[in-house]
Amino acid sequence: MRMIRTVGKWLDQRLRLGAPIRETMDHPIPRETASWFYVFGSAALTVFGLQLVTGVLLALIYAPSAGEAWNSLQFLNHQVTLGWFIRALHGWGSNFMVAIVLIHMVQVFLFGAFKYPRELTWILGIFLLLMTLAMAFTGQVLRFDQDAYWGLGIGASIVSRVPVLGPAMVTLVLGGPIIAGTTLSRFFALHVFVIPGFLILFVGVHLLLVLKLGINEWPMPGRLVRRADYLDKYHRLTRTEGVPFVPYGVWKDAIFSGVILLAMALCALYFGPFGPSGQPDPAIIRTVPRPDFFFLWLFALLALLPPALETPVLLIGPVIGLIVLLALPFVSGEGEKSWKRRPVAVMTVLVGAVALGALTNLAIDSPWSPVMNAWSGAPVPWQFVSGRTPLQIQGALVLQAKQCRNCHSLGGSGGRRGPALDAVATRLTADQLVRQVLQGGGNMPAYGKNLNPAETAALVAFLETLHPARQAPAQDASMSAGAQP
């Protein structure tokens, strides 16, 4: 103990942290706020710390590349000691963190803790919730399984609907016009560096504001907030009825955080990690992806909305909601705090909870019906089917049905991951086309399991017509040489 005190004194003489730590521990809080209703903020901070630790451990093995991401997760699940448990703890920690931050925001709203002088604390809380949701979404993408691949496709479709800036935003998010290796690298950087950096910054400022402004007092009915005298009344309350944060407030925070950590560990042990499911394969288009739990409501909304309403709701609704939340402390910064005298606030929370619960429940059976504007499912241009035989027209239909133009352009429209198809017949013979379609190669997946022989024959027959009018299609050189006398 003497050595510990000596080392502690030596460090304090140089770091000068003893006084701020003692000040934080002795920070007075209203006696009534040392309550179980005020433990969610500290629990969210605890879970975030665990997410940082488990995230670092996973990043030591995870390979952020399109070709190795899925395999590295399988390696973690089956070959690394307790790798599956670390993955499960990280995945369930994400769900718990979203839930706790959301509950904390609801509690702050009902207790009127957004009112003067805590407007900035509320605004930072909103951005902390958004960053937490962004962490959850980018984490799902990093699994890079079939659900993640097509879920990201839906996200890209939503982004693409933004007027004027949509295509540029899709390219910025995906690292190109389509989902590829650069996409995973960008989401890895977001998930591991950018978003945690913002979270640490916002949490630090948020805690500083809590220390400087104090913890919101218990919302007693009739205890009104007025800018003219609130601070004097609050400081008088903490002097007459206040208690030190340690030990009166911290022990409830510690117990609740311990219960949350135990619940996370039990979920990780019993349910295991999330995915990965099947490997991402753009050739499999008949799939029904499902996002993680806290995004199921959005999935149901996309599936059930009439197509004409999807874009307005997705683009205008979130903007209006964010503006309302940011403006709330300025519009309603004074007055009553108690939820018992704010029926509109209580009704808003109840309606929101019922709506989210109903949409989440509907998402279990909702059909997948996104408008994939980020992709190319449009009909084959008429000039490429005019005058073609029935077999060749059938091949054009196969090209469209299998969404080959997600990666290949034709007539100036379509993806750019693979080469344009306008003159593909001048580069590949019929046999080479069959081999490329069935076996894949380079950056192209194999479609052998997704096309029957009739579809393959029709597709190749159509591809053989794709050459300039005055240029003959490619021929097998060996066969041409053998035909000469």
Protein backbone atom coordinates (compact mmCIF):
# COMPACT_ATOMS: atom_id res chain seq x y z
CA MET A 1 0.00 0.00 0.00
CA ARG A 2 2.88 2.36 0.77
CA MET A 3 4.33 1.68 -2.69
CA ILE A 4 0.95 2.30 -4.33
CA ARG A 5 0.58 5.62 -2.48
CA THR A 6 4.11 6.59 -3.49
CA VAL A 7 3.51 5.80 -7.16
CA GLY A 8 0.13 7.55 -7.04
CA LYS A 9 1.65 10.66 -5.50
CA TRP A 10 4.44 10.66 -8.11
CA LEU A 11 1.91 10.45 -10.95
CA ASP A 12 -0.37 13.08 -9.44
CA GLN A 13 2.51 15.55 -9.13
CA ARG A 14 3.02 15.28 -12.87
CA LEU A 15 -0.46 14.64 -14.27
CA ARG A 16 -2.45 16.71 -11.78
CA LEU A 17 -5.45 14.40 -12.05
CA GLY A 18 -6.13 13.94 -8.35
CA ALA A 19 -8.05 17.18 -7.87
CA PRO A 20 -10.36 16.72 -10.93
CA ILE A 21 -11.07 13.10 -9.89
CA ARG A 22 -11.90 14.14 -6.32
CA GLU A 23 -14.06 16.98 -7.61
CA THR A 24 -15.97 14.55 -9.84
CA MET A 25 -16.48 12.08 -7.01
CA ASP A 26 -17.69 14.80 -4.63
CA HIS A 27 -19.87 16.41 -7.29
CA PRO A 28 -23.22 17.15 -5.56
CA ILE A 29 -26.37 15.73 -7.08
CA PRO A 30 -29.96 16.19 -5.92
CA ARG A 31 -30.77 13.40 -3.47
CA GLU A 32 -33.82 12.27 -5.46
CA THR A 33 -31.77 11.81 -8.65
CA ALA A 34 -29.70 9.07 -7.00
CA SER A 35 -32.38 6.84 -8.48
CA TRP A 36 -32.67 3.77 -10.70
CA PHE A 37 -34.22 6.04 -13.35
CA TYR A 38 -30.86 7.77 -13.82
CA VAL A 39 -28.63 4.77 -14.53
CA PHE A 40 -29.02 4.47 -18.32
CA GLY A 41 -26.37 7.04 -19.26
CA SER A 42 -23.63 5.33 -17.25
CA ALA A 43 -24.74 1.92 -18.56
CA ALA A 44 -24.44 3.17 -22.15
CA LEU A 45 -20.92 4.41 -21.36
CA THR A 46 -20.00 1.02 -19.88
CA VAL A 47 -21.27 -0.87 -22.92
CA PHE A 48 -19.43 1.53 -25.23
CA GLY A 49 -16.19 0.79 -23.36
CA LEU A 50 -16.78 -2.94 -23.82
CA GLN A 51 -17.45 -2.37 -27.52
CA LEU A 52 -14.11 -0.62 -27.88
CA VAL A 53 -12.26 -3.50 -26.19
CA THR A 54 -13.98 -6.29 -28.13
CA GLY A 55 -13.74 -4.29 -31.35
CA VAL A 56 -9.96 -3.98 -31.00
CA LEU A 57 -9.68 -7.74 -30.39
CA LEU A 58 -11.75 -8.51 -33.50
CA ALA A 59 -9.83 -6.02 -35.65
CA LEU A 60 -6.62 -7.95 -34.93
CA ILE A 61 -7.92 -10.87 -37.04
CA TYR A 62 -10.67 -9.45 -39.26
CA ALA A 63 -9.61 -8.95 -42.89
CA PRO A 64 -11.44 -5.94 -44.44
CA SER A 65 -11.38 -7.23 -48.00
CA ALA A 66 -14.22 -8.54 -50.13
CA GLY A 67 -12.44 -11.83 -50.70
CA GLU A 68 -11.36 -12.54 -47.12
CA ALA A 69 -13.91 -10.90 -44.81
CA TRP A 70 -16.30 -13.85 -44.76
CA ASN A 71 -13.45 -16.34 -44.32
CA SER A 72 -11.91 -14.34 -41.46
CA LEU A 73 -15.22 -14.42 -39.57
CA GLN A 74 -15.44 -18.18 -40.09
CA PHE A 75 -11.88 -18.41 -38.77
CA LEU A 76 -12.91 -16.41 -35.68
CA ASN A 77 -15.99 -18.56 -35.16
CA HIS A 78 -14.35 -21.96 -35.44
CA GLN A 79 -10.57 -21.78 -35.02
CA VAL A 80 -9.71 -18.94 -32.63
CA THR A 81 -10.10 -19.76 -28.94
CA LEU A 82 -13.23 -17.94 -27.70
CA GLY A 83 -13.31 -16.05 -30.99
CA TRP A 84 -17.00 -16.86 -31.37
CA PHE A 85 -17.67 -15.48 -27.87
CA ILE A 86 -15.86 -12.21 -28.58
CA ARG A 87 -17.88 -11.84 -31.79
CA ALA A 88 -21.10 -12.64 -29.95
CA LEU A 89 -20.29 -10.21 -27.14
CA HIS A 90 -19.54 -7.47 -29.67
CA GLY A 91 -22.72 -8.14 -31.65
CA TRP A 92 -25.01 -8.28 -28.62
CA GLY A 93 -23.22 -5.25 -27.19
CA SER A 94 -24.28 -3.32 -30.27
CA ASN A 95 -27.93 -4.25 -29.72
CA PHE A 96 -27.76 -3.45 -26.01
CA MET A 97 -26.08 -0.11 -26.65
CA VAL A 98 -28.73 0.97 -29.16
CA ALA A 99 -31.50 -0.06 -26.75
CA ILE A 100 -29.95 1.68 -23.73
CA VAL A 101 -29.18 4.92 -25.59
CA LEU A 102 -32.73 4.97 -26.99
CA ILE A 103 -34.25 4.36 -23.53
CA HIS A 104 -31.99 7.06 -22.08
CA MET A 105 -33.18 9.57 -24.70
CA VAL A 106 -36.82 8.71 -23.95
CA GLN A 107 -36.19 9.12 -20.21
CA VAL A 108 -34.52 12.51 -20.79
CA PHE A 109 -37.49 13.58 -22.93
CA LEU A 110 -40.11 12.51 -20.38
CA PHE A 111 -38.18 14.05 -17.45
CA GLY A 112 -37.80 17.38 -19.29
CA ALA A 113 -34.00 17.23 -19.02
CA PHE A 114 -33.71 18.87 -22.43
CA LYS A 115 -34.91 22.22 -21.06
CA TYR A 116 -32.76 25.17 -20.05
CA PRO A 117 -29.79 25.11 -19.47
CA ARG A 118 -29.26 21.61 -20.93
CA GLU A 119 -30.12 22.32 -24.56
CA LEU A 120 -26.65 21.43 -25.83
CA THR A 121 -26.62 18.24 -23.74
CA TRP A 122 -29.82 17.15 -25.52
CA ILE A 123 -28.43 18.00 -28.96
CA LEU A 124 -25.27 15.99 -28.27
CA GLY A 125 -27.48 13.11 -27.12
CA ILE A 126 -29.28 13.14 -30.47
CA PHE A 127 -25.99 12.90 -32.33
CA LEU A 128 -24.82 10.15 -29.97
CA LEU A 129 -27.96 8.16 -30.87
CA LEU A 130 -27.33 8.70 -34.59
CA MET A 131 -23.69 7.64 -34.23
CA THR A 132 -24.77 4.55 -32.27
CA LEU A 133 -27.16 3.56 -35.07
CA ALA A 134 -24.42 4.20 -37.62
CA MET A 135 -22.09 1.91 -35.65
CA ALA A 136 -24.74 -0.83 -35.67
CA PHE A 137 -25.34 -0.52 -39.43
CA THR A 138 -21.67 -0.44 -40.43
CA GLY A 139 -21.02 -3.40 -38.14
CA GLN A 140 -23.66 -5.43 -39.96
CA VAL A 141 -22.07 -4.54 -43.31
CA LEU A 142 -18.68 -5.80 -42.08
CA ARG A 143 -20.12 -9.30 -41.75
CA PHE A 144 -20.27 -9.14 -45.57
CA ASP A 145 -22.63 -12.07 -45.87
CA GLN A 146 -25.67 -12.32 -48.12
CA ASP A 147 -27.86 -10.25 -45.79
CA ALA A 148 -25.19 -7.57 -45.46
CA TYR A 149 -24.61 -7.43 -49.22
CA TRP A 150 -28.24 -6.90 -50.16
CA GLY A 151 -28.95 -4.76 -47.08
CA LEU A 152 -26.20 -2.45 -48.27
CA GLY A 153 -27.84 -2.52 -51.69
CA ILE A 154 -31.07 -1.26 -50.13
CA GLY A 155 -29.12 1.46 -48.32
CA ALA A 156 -27.48 2.49 -51.58
CA SER A 157 -30.91 2.57 -53.21
CA ILE A 158 -32.16 4.96 -50.53
CA VAL A 159 -29.12 7.21 -50.90
CA SER A 160 -29.49 7.23 -54.69
CA ARG A 161 -32.91 8.90 -54.38
CA VAL A 162 -31.47 12.14 -53.05
CA PRO A 163 -32.08 14.75 -55.78
CA VAL A 164 -29.03 15.87 -57.77
CA LEU A 165 -26.50 14.52 -55.25
CA GLY A 166 -27.77 10.92 -55.22
CA PRO A 167 -25.30 9.34 -57.72
CA ALA A 168 -22.33 11.15 -56.21
CA MET A 169 -23.37 10.06 -52.70
CA VAL A 170 -23.67 6.43 -53.82
CA THR A 171 -20.16 6.59 -55.27
CA LEU A 172 -18.88 8.18 -52.06
CA VAL A 173 -20.48 5.54 -49.83
CA LEU A 174 -19.65 2.49 -51.95
CA GLY A 175 -16.31 3.68 -53.30
CA GLY A 176 -17.70 3.33 -56.82
CA PRO A 177 -20.99 2.67 -58.61
CA ILE A 178 -21.36 -0.84 -57.17
CA ILE A 179 -20.54 -2.86 -54.06
CA ALA A 180 -16.93 -4.03 -54.34
CA GLY A 181 -13.72 -4.38 -52.34
CA THR A 182 -13.37 -0.64 -51.81
CA THR A 183 -16.85 -0.62 -50.25
CA LEU A 184 -15.78 -2.89 -47.40
CA SER A 185 -12.60 -0.88 -46.83
CA ARG A 186 -14.64 2.30 -46.46
CA PHE A 187 -17.09 0.76 -44.04
CA PHE A 188 -14.22 -0.72 -42.02
CA ALA A 189 -12.67 2.74 -41.72
CA LEU A 190 -16.04 4.20 -40.71
CA HIS A 191 -16.75 1.48 -38.15
CA VAL A 192 -13.29 1.32 -36.58
CA PHE A 193 -11.97 4.89 -36.82
CA VAL A 194 -14.41 7.61 -37.90
CA ILE A 195 -17.60 6.80 -35.98
CA PRO A 196 -15.84 5.74 -32.72
CA GLY A 197 -13.80 8.93 -32.92
CA PHE A 198 -16.95 11.04 -33.10
CA LEU A 199 -18.53 8.97 -30.32
CA ILE A 200 -15.55 9.52 -28.01
CA LEU A 201 -15.63 13.26 -28.77
CA PHE A 202 -19.38 13.58 -28.19
CA VAL A 203 -19.28 11.45 -25.02
CA GLY A 204 -16.45 13.57 -23.62
CA VAL A 205 -18.29 16.85 -24.23
CA HIS A 206 -21.54 15.28 -22.99
CA LEU A 207 -19.92 14.24 -19.68
CA LEU A 208 -18.31 17.66 -19.32
CA LEU A 209 -21.70 19.33 -19.67
CA VAL A 210 -23.22 16.96 -17.10
CA LEU A 211 -20.47 17.89 -14.63
CA LYS A 212 -20.72 21.61 -15.29
CA LEU A 213 -24.53 21.89 -15.39
CA GLY A 214 -25.37 19.11 -12.94
CA ILE A 215 -27.71 16.15 -13.21
CA ASN A 216 -31.32 17.01 -13.89
CA GLU A 217 -33.37 17.20 -10.69
CA TRP A 218 -36.39 14.97 -10.15
CA PRO A 219 -39.28 16.40 -12.25
CA MET A 220 -41.70 17.40 -9.49
CA PRO A 221 -45.13 18.60 -10.71
CA GLY A 222 -45.34 22.34 -10.36
CA ARG A 223 -41.55 22.87 -10.27
CA LEU A 224 -41.32 25.11 -13.35
CA VAL A 225 -38.20 26.01 -15.30
CA ARG A 226 -37.56 29.74 -15.81
CA ARG A 227 -34.36 31.03 -17.34
CA ALA A 228 -34.30 33.97 -14.92
CA ASP A 229 -33.95 31.94 -11.72
CA TYR A 230 -33.43 28.25 -12.59
CA LEU A 231 -29.67 28.13 -11.94
CA ASP A 232 -30.02 29.80 -8.53
CA LYS A 233 -32.78 27.36 -7.53
CA TYR A 234 -30.78 24.35 -8.74
CA HIS A 235 -27.63 25.33 -6.82
CA ARG A 236 -29.71 26.03 -3.72
CA LEU A 237 -31.26 22.56 -4.09
CA THR A 238 -27.87 20.83 -4.34
CA ARG A 239 -26.60 22.73 -1.28
CA THR A 240 -29.59 21.91 0.91
CA GLU A 241 -30.60 18.47 -0.38
CA GLY A 242 -27.58 17.40 -2.42
CA VAL A 243 -25.41 14.33 -1.84
CA PRO A 244 -21.98 13.42 -3.28
CA PHE A 245 -22.07 11.40 -6.50
CA VAL A 246 -19.76 8.89 -4.79
CA PRO A 247 -21.07 6.83 -3.12
CA TYR A 248 -24.76 7.84 -3.26
CA GLY A 249 -25.14 7.85 -7.03
CA VAL A 250 -22.39 5.59 -8.28
CA TRP A 251 -23.43 2.36 -6.57
CA LYS A 252 -26.73 2.15 -8.47
CA ASP A 253 -24.87 2.90 -11.71
CA ALA A 254 -22.34 0.17 -10.95
CA ILE A 255 -24.99 -2.44 -10.10
CA PHE A 256 -27.08 -1.69 -13.18
CA SER A 257 -24.02 -1.70 -15.46
CA GLY A 258 -22.98 -5.04 -13.96
CA VAL A 259 -26.44 -6.49 -14.64
CA ILE A 260 -26.28 -5.26 -18.25
CA LEU A 261 -22.83 -6.80 -18.75
CA LEU A 262 -24.06 -10.09 -17.29
CA ALA A 263 -27.11 -10.06 -19.57
CA MET A 264 -24.88 -9.42 -22.59
CA ALA A 265 -22.60 -12.30 -21.63
CA LEU A 266 -25.56 -14.66 -21.16
CA CYS A 267 -27.00 -13.69 -24.56
CA ALA A 268 -23.59 -14.21 -26.15
CA LEU A 269 -23.24 -17.64 -24.56
CA TYR A 270 -26.77 -18.81 -25.33
CA PHE A 271 -27.47 -17.29 -28.76
CA GLY A 272 -23.91 -17.02 -30.10
CA PRO A 273 -22.64 -14.53 -32.69
CA PHE A 274 -24.64 -12.96 -35.50
CA GLY A 275 -23.79 -14.70 -38.77
CA PRO A 276 -22.17 -14.71 -41.07
CA SER A 277 -24.80 -16.38 -43.24
CA GLY A 278 -24.09 -17.36 -46.85
CA GLN A 279 -21.23 -15.74 -48.72
CA PRO A 280 -22.19 -12.56 -50.61
CA ASP A 281 -23.06 -13.50 -54.16
CA PRO A 282 -24.56 -10.93 -56.55
CA ALA A 283 -25.64 -13.84 -58.75
CA ILE A 284 -28.24 -14.85 -56.15
CA ILE A 285 -30.97 -12.29 -56.70
CA ARG A 286 -33.87 -14.32 -55.33
CA THR A 287 -33.02 -13.59 -51.72
CA VAL A 288 -34.90 -12.08 -48.79
CA PRO A 289 -32.36 -10.20 -46.67
CA ARG A 290 -33.26 -9.09 -43.18
CA PRO A 291 -31.42 -6.32 -41.32
CA ASP A 292 -30.50 -6.48 -37.66
CA PHE A 293 -33.25 -6.05 -35.07
CA PHE A 294 -33.17 -2.26 -34.69
CA PHE A 295 -33.54 -1.69 -38.44
CA LEU A 296 -36.41 -4.09 -39.02
CA TRP A 297 -38.95 -1.27 -38.75
CA LEU A 298 -37.29 0.49 -41.69
CA PHE A 299 -37.35 -2.76 -43.69
CA ALA A 300 -41.11 -3.09 -43.04
CA LEU A 301 -41.68 0.54 -43.97
CA LEU A 302 -39.94 0.05 -47.31
CA ALA A 303 -41.81 -3.16 -48.00
CA LEU A 304 -45.29 -1.91 -47.11
CA LEU A 305 -45.27 1.65 -48.41
CA PRO A 306 -46.76 2.25 -51.88
CA PRO A 307 -43.90 2.84 -54.35
CA ALA A 308 -45.03 6.42 -54.95
CA LEU A 309 -44.60 7.26 -51.25
CA GLU A 310 -41.26 5.55 -50.62
CA THR A 311 -39.02 8.38 -51.76
CA PRO A 312 -40.91 11.26 -50.06
CA VAL A 313 -41.16 9.36 -46.77
CA LEU A 314 -37.52 8.26 -46.79
CA LEU A 315 -36.09 11.63 -47.76
CA ILE A 316 -38.45 14.08 -46.06
CA GLY A 317 -39.52 12.14 -42.93
CA PRO A 318 -36.06 11.81 -41.29
CA VAL A 319 -35.22 15.45 -42.03
CA ILE A 320 -38.43 16.67 -40.40
CA GLY A 321 -37.91 14.36 -37.42
CA LEU A 322 -34.33 15.56 -36.89
CA ILE A 323 -35.36 19.23 -37.14
CA VAL A 324 -38.12 18.68 -34.56
CA LEU A 325 -35.74 16.98 -32.12
CA LEU A 326 -33.07 19.67 -32.51
CA ALA A 327 -35.60 22.49 -32.14
CA LEU A 328 -37.35 20.95 -29.12
CA PRO A 329 -35.22 22.55 -26.35
CA PHE A 330 -35.51 25.96 -27.97
CA VAL A 331 -39.26 25.79 -28.54
CA SER A 332 -40.05 24.18 -25.17
CA GLY A 333 -37.07 25.25 -23.08
CA GLU A 334 -39.10 26.50 -20.11
CA GLY A 335 -42.11 25.41 -18.12
CA GLU A 336 -43.21 22.11 -16.68
CA LYS A 337 -40.82 19.14 -16.53
CA SER A 338 -42.98 16.45 -14.98
CA TRP A 339 -44.46 13.92 -17.41
CA LYS A 340 -47.59 13.92 -15.23
CA ARG A 341 -48.43 17.38 -16.56
CA ARG A 342 -47.16 16.88 -20.12
CA PRO A 343 -49.70 14.52 -21.71
CA VAL A 344 -48.54 15.35 -25.25
CA ALA A 345 -45.02 14.12 -24.42
CA VAL A 346 -46.37 10.88 -22.93
CA MET A 347 -48.67 10.31 -25.93
CA THR A 348 -45.79 10.96 -28.34
CA VAL A 349 -43.65 8.30 -26.65
CA LEU A 350 -46.51 5.78 -26.57
CA VAL A 351 -47.42 6.31 -30.23
CA GLY A 352 -43.77 6.07 -31.28
CA ALA A 353 -43.24 2.87 -29.28
CA VAL A 354 -46.39 1.25 -30.69
CA ALA A 355 -45.46 2.24 -34.26
CA LEU A 356 -41.92 0.89 -33.95
CA GLY A 357 -43.13 -2.30 -32.30
CA ALA A 358 -45.82 -2.89 -34.93
CA LEU A 359 -43.44 -2.27 -37.85
CA THR A 360 -40.79 -4.51 -36.27
CA ASN A 361 -43.34 -7.30 -35.89
CA LEU A 362 -44.58 -6.83 -39.47
CA ALA A 363 -41.00 -7.01 -40.78
CA ILE A 364 -40.89 -10.71 -39.90
CA ASP A 365 -43.32 -11.52 -42.73
CA SER A 366 -43.04 -8.42 -44.93
CA PRO A 367 -42.02 -9.02 -48.57
CA TRP A 368 -38.80 -7.58 -49.88
CA SER A 369 -39.82 -4.90 -52.37
CA PRO A 370 -37.19 -2.19 -52.57
CA VAL A 371 -36.92 0.12 -55.57
CA MET A 372 -33.35 -0.66 -56.55
CA ASN A 373 -32.56 2.65 -58.19
CA ALA A 374 -28.89 2.14 -57.44
CA TRP A 375 -28.89 -0.83 -59.82
CA SER A 376 -29.82 -1.46 -63.42
CA GLY A 377 -32.89 -3.60 -63.93
CA ALA A 378 -34.23 -1.64 -66.90
CA PRO A 379 -35.20 -3.44 -70.14
CA VAL A 380 -32.50 -4.10 -72.70
CA PRO A 381 -32.36 -1.15 -75.15
CA TRP A 382 -34.52 -1.80 -78.23
CA GLN A 383 -31.66 -1.47 -80.73
CA PHE A 384 -30.04 -4.60 -79.26
CA VAL A 385 -33.15 -6.77 -79.69
CA SER A 386 -34.52 -5.41 -82.97
CA GLY A 387 -34.38 -8.04 -85.71
CA ARG A 388 -33.12 -10.78 -83.38
CA THR A 389 -34.28 -14.39 -83.45
CA PRO A 390 -36.60 -15.72 -80.72
CA LEU A 391 -33.65 -17.50 -79.08
CA GLN A 392 -31.61 -14.32 -79.03
CA ILE A 393 -34.54 -12.30 -77.60
CA GLN A 394 -34.90 -14.95 -74.91
CA GLY A 395 -31.22 -14.40 -74.13
CA ALA A 396 -31.88 -10.66 -73.74
CA LEU A 397 -34.61 -11.49 -71.24
CA VAL A 398 -32.17 -13.71 -69.31
CA LEU A 399 -29.67 -10.83 -69.26
CA GLN A 400 -32.33 -8.60 -67.77
CA ALA A 401 -33.80 -11.14 -65.32
CA LYS A 402 -30.42 -12.08 -63.88
CA GLN A 403 -29.51 -8.39 -63.55
CA CYS A 404 -26.25 -8.79 -65.43
CA ARG A 405 -26.29 -5.05 -66.05
CA ASN A 406 -25.66 -4.43 -62.36
CA CYS A 407 -22.02 -4.93 -63.33
CA HIS A 408 -21.98 -4.53 -67.14
CA SER A 409 -23.21 -1.59 -69.16
CA LEU A 410 -25.10 -1.93 -72.43
CA GLY A 411 -25.98 1.01 -74.60
CA GLY A 412 -24.36 3.40 -72.13
CA SER A 413 -26.43 2.35 -69.08
CA GLY A 414 -25.59 -0.14 -66.36
CA GLY A 415 -22.74 -0.91 -64.00
CA ARG A 416 -19.07 -0.37 -64.54
CA ARG A 417 -17.61 -3.15 -62.46
CA GLY A 418 -17.17 -5.33 -65.50
CA PRO A 419 -16.46 -4.46 -69.14
CA ALA A 420 -19.19 -3.04 -71.36
CA LEU A 421 -21.13 -5.64 -73.36
CA ASP A 422 -21.72 -3.55 -76.49
CA ALA A 423 -18.89 -5.31 -78.36
CA VAL A 424 -18.34 -8.39 -76.22
CA ALA A 425 -18.69 -10.71 -79.24
CA THR A 426 -15.55 -9.19 -80.76
CA ARG A 427 -13.51 -10.16 -77.69
CA LEU A 428 -14.83 -13.63 -76.81
CA THR A 429 -15.85 -16.58 -78.95
CA ALA A 430 -19.01 -18.57 -78.25
CA ASP A 431 -17.07 -21.18 -76.26
CA GLN A 432 -15.28 -18.51 -74.27
CA LEU A 433 -18.59 -16.81 -73.52
CA VAL A 434 -20.05 -20.08 -72.21
CA ARG A 435 -16.98 -20.68 -70.07
CA GLN A 436 -17.02 -17.12 -68.68
CA VAL A 437 -20.72 -17.26 -67.83
CA LEU A 438 -20.61 -20.67 -66.17
CA GLN A 439 -17.23 -20.54 -64.43
CA GLY A 440 -16.73 -16.82 -63.92
CA GLY A 441 -13.26 -15.43 -63.64
CA GLY A 442 -11.47 -12.28 -62.63
CA ASN A 443 -13.98 -10.11 -60.80
CA MET A 444 -17.01 -12.01 -62.11
CA PRO A 445 -18.82 -14.69 -60.08
CA ALA A 446 -19.69 -18.07 -61.58
CA TYR A 447 -23.31 -18.35 -62.73
CA GLY A 448 -23.22 -22.09 -63.39
CA LYS A 449 -25.60 -22.82 -60.50
CA ASN A 450 -27.98 -20.01 -61.39
CA LEU A 451 -28.59 -20.76 -65.07
CA ASN A 452 -30.02 -23.91 -66.61
CA PRO A 453 -28.65 -25.11 -69.98
CA ALA A 454 -31.49 -23.49 -71.95
CA GLU A 455 -30.90 -20.10 -70.28
CA THR A 456 -27.16 -20.37 -70.88
CA ALA A 457 -27.64 -21.18 -74.57
CA ALA A 458 -30.08 -18.30 -75.03
CA LEU A 459 -27.83 -15.82 -73.19
CA VAL A 460 -24.76 -16.77 -75.21
CA ALA A 461 -26.78 -16.59 -78.44
CA PHE A 462 -27.73 -13.02 -77.55
CA LEU A 463 -24.20 -12.05 -76.51
CA GLU A 464 -22.89 -13.29 -79.85
CA THR A 465 -24.96 -10.56 -81.55
CA LEU A 466 -23.24 -7.78 -79.62
CA HIS A 467 -20.67 -6.49 -82.08
CA PRO A 468 -20.43 -3.49 -84.43
CA ALA A 469 -22.33 -3.89 -87.69
CA ARG A 470 -19.19 -3.87 -89.85
CA GLN A 471 -17.03 -5.95 -87.54
CA ALA A 472 -17.21 -9.75 -87.49
CA PRO A 473 -17.50 -11.55 -84.15
CA ALA A 474 -14.47 -13.29 -82.68
CA GLN A 475 -13.64 -16.77 -83.92
CA ASP A 476 -11.55 -19.63 -82.58
CA ALA A 477 -8.16 -19.20 -84.26
CA SER A 478 -7.38 -22.95 -84.19
CA MET A 479 -10.63 -23.78 -85.93
CA SER A 480 -10.06 -21.08 -88.55
CA ALA A 481 -6.57 -22.40 -89.26
CA GLY A 482 -7.83 -25.97 -89.52
CA ALA A 483 -10.45 -24.95 -92.07
CA GLN A 484 -7.81 -23.57 -94.49
CA PRO A 485 -6.61 -25.86 -97.37
